Amino acid sequence: MEHRCGSCNRLLAKGEALNLAIKCPRCGAINHLRAVSPIVERRRAPKGTRR
């Protein structure tokens, strides 16, 4: 995922962020980035096991 400045649209970061504040080096705007929902990774049971 790309995170861009809300003021000048400059690319600030790439990746997933949970809670982040970035100051744009171009225009100086402070951008607050928050995840809408947490990323949950599910684990799989090893092969050959039953529930």
C-alpha atoms as a PDB file:
ATOM      1  CA  MET A   1       0.000   0.000   0.000  1.00  0.00           C
ATOM      2  CA  GLU A   2       1.265   3.485  -0.814  1.00  0.00           C
ATOM      3  CA  HIS A   3       0.869   6.363   1.644  1.00  0.00           C
ATOM      4  CA  ARG A   4       0.775   9.823   0.054  1.00  0.00           C
ATOM      5  CA  CYS A   5       0.700  13.333   1.488  1.00  0.00           C
ATOM      6  CA  GLY A   6      -2.861  14.602   1.842  1.00  0.00           C
ATOM      7  CA  SER A   7      -1.719  18.106   0.874  1.00  0.00           C
ATOM      8  CA  CYS A   8       0.662  17.710  -2.098  1.00  0.00           C
ATOM      9  CA  ASN A   9       0.242  13.967  -2.958  1.00  0.00           C
ATOM     10  CA  ARG A  10       3.965  13.173  -2.616  1.00  0.00           C
ATOM     11  CA  LEU A  11       4.732   9.495  -1.894  1.00  0.00           C
ATOM     12  CA  LEU A  12       5.689   9.249   1.789  1.00  0.00           C
ATOM     13  CA  ALA A  13       5.887   5.516   2.462  1.00  0.00           C
ATOM     14  CA  LYS A  14       5.030   2.061   1.187  1.00  0.00           C
ATOM     15  CA  GLY A  15       3.805  -0.793   3.371  1.00  0.00           C
ATOM     16  CA  GLU A  16       1.307  -1.421   6.134  1.00  0.00           C
ATOM     17  CA  ALA A  17       1.151   0.912   9.142  1.00  0.00           C
ATOM     18  CA  LEU A  18      -0.962   0.651  12.263  1.00  0.00           C
ATOM     19  CA  ASN A  19      -0.479   4.182  13.606  1.00  0.00           C
ATOM     20  CA  LEU A  20       2.013   6.561  12.056  1.00  0.00           C
ATOM     21  CA  ALA A  21       2.643  10.308  11.716  1.00  0.00           C
ATOM     22  CA  ILE A  22       4.837  11.448   8.830  1.00  0.00           C
ATOM     23  CA  LYS A  23       5.944  14.999   8.023  1.00  0.00           C
ATOM     24  CA  CYS A  24       6.074  15.603   4.272  1.00  0.00           C
ATOM     25  CA  PRO A  25       9.556  16.771   3.255  1.00  0.00           C
ATOM     26  CA  ARG A  26       8.117  18.715   0.308  1.00  0.00           C
ATOM     27  CA  CYS A  27       5.332  20.805   1.864  1.00  0.00           C
ATOM     28  CA  GLY A  28       5.801  20.218   5.623  1.00  0.00           C
ATOM     29  CA  ALA A  29       2.272  18.880   6.220  1.00  0.00           C
ATOM     30  CA  ILE A  30       1.864  16.351   9.046  1.00  0.00           C
ATOM     31  CA  ASN A  31       0.083  13.217   7.805  1.00  0.00           C
ATOM     32  CA  HIS A  32      -1.520  10.794  10.303  1.00  0.00           C
ATOM     33  CA  LEU A  33      -1.942   7.250   8.998  1.00  0.00           C
ATOM     34  CA  ARG A  34      -4.074   4.704  10.848  1.00  0.00           C
ATOM     35  CA  ALA A  35      -5.156   1.216   9.886  1.00  0.00           C
ATOM     36  CA  VAL A  36      -8.911   0.831   9.486  1.00  0.00           C
ATOM     37  CA  SER A  37      -8.732  -2.700  10.873  1.00  0.00           C
ATOM     38  CA  PRO A  38      -5.806  -4.808  12.112  1.00  0.00           C
ATOM     39  CA  ILE A  39      -4.253  -7.298   9.732  1.00  0.00           C
ATOM     40  CA  VAL A  40      -4.855 -10.771  11.108  1.00  0.00           C
ATOM     41  CA  GLU A  41      -2.811 -13.672   9.831  1.00  0.00           C
ATOM     42  CA  ARG A  42      -4.389 -17.080  10.273  1.00  0.00           C
ATOM     43  CA  ARG A  43      -2.249 -20.114  11.086  1.00  0.00           C
ATOM     44  CA  ARG A  44      -2.966 -23.448   9.484  1.00  0.00           C
ATOM     45  CA  ALA A  45      -2.862 -26.775  11.290  1.00  0.00           C
ATOM     46  CA  PRO A  46      -0.033 -29.077  10.238  1.00  0.00           C
ATOM     47  CA  LYS A  47      -0.928 -31.633   7.550  1.00  0.00           C
ATOM     48  CA  GLY A  48      -2.375 -34.884   8.827  1.00  0.00           C
ATOM     49  CA  THR A  49      -4.081 -33.418  11.912  1.00  0.00           C
ATOM     50  CA  ARG A  50      -7.815 -33.441  12.439  1.00  0.00           C
ATOM     51  CA  ARG A  51     -10.053 -31.190  14.450  1.00  0.00           C
END
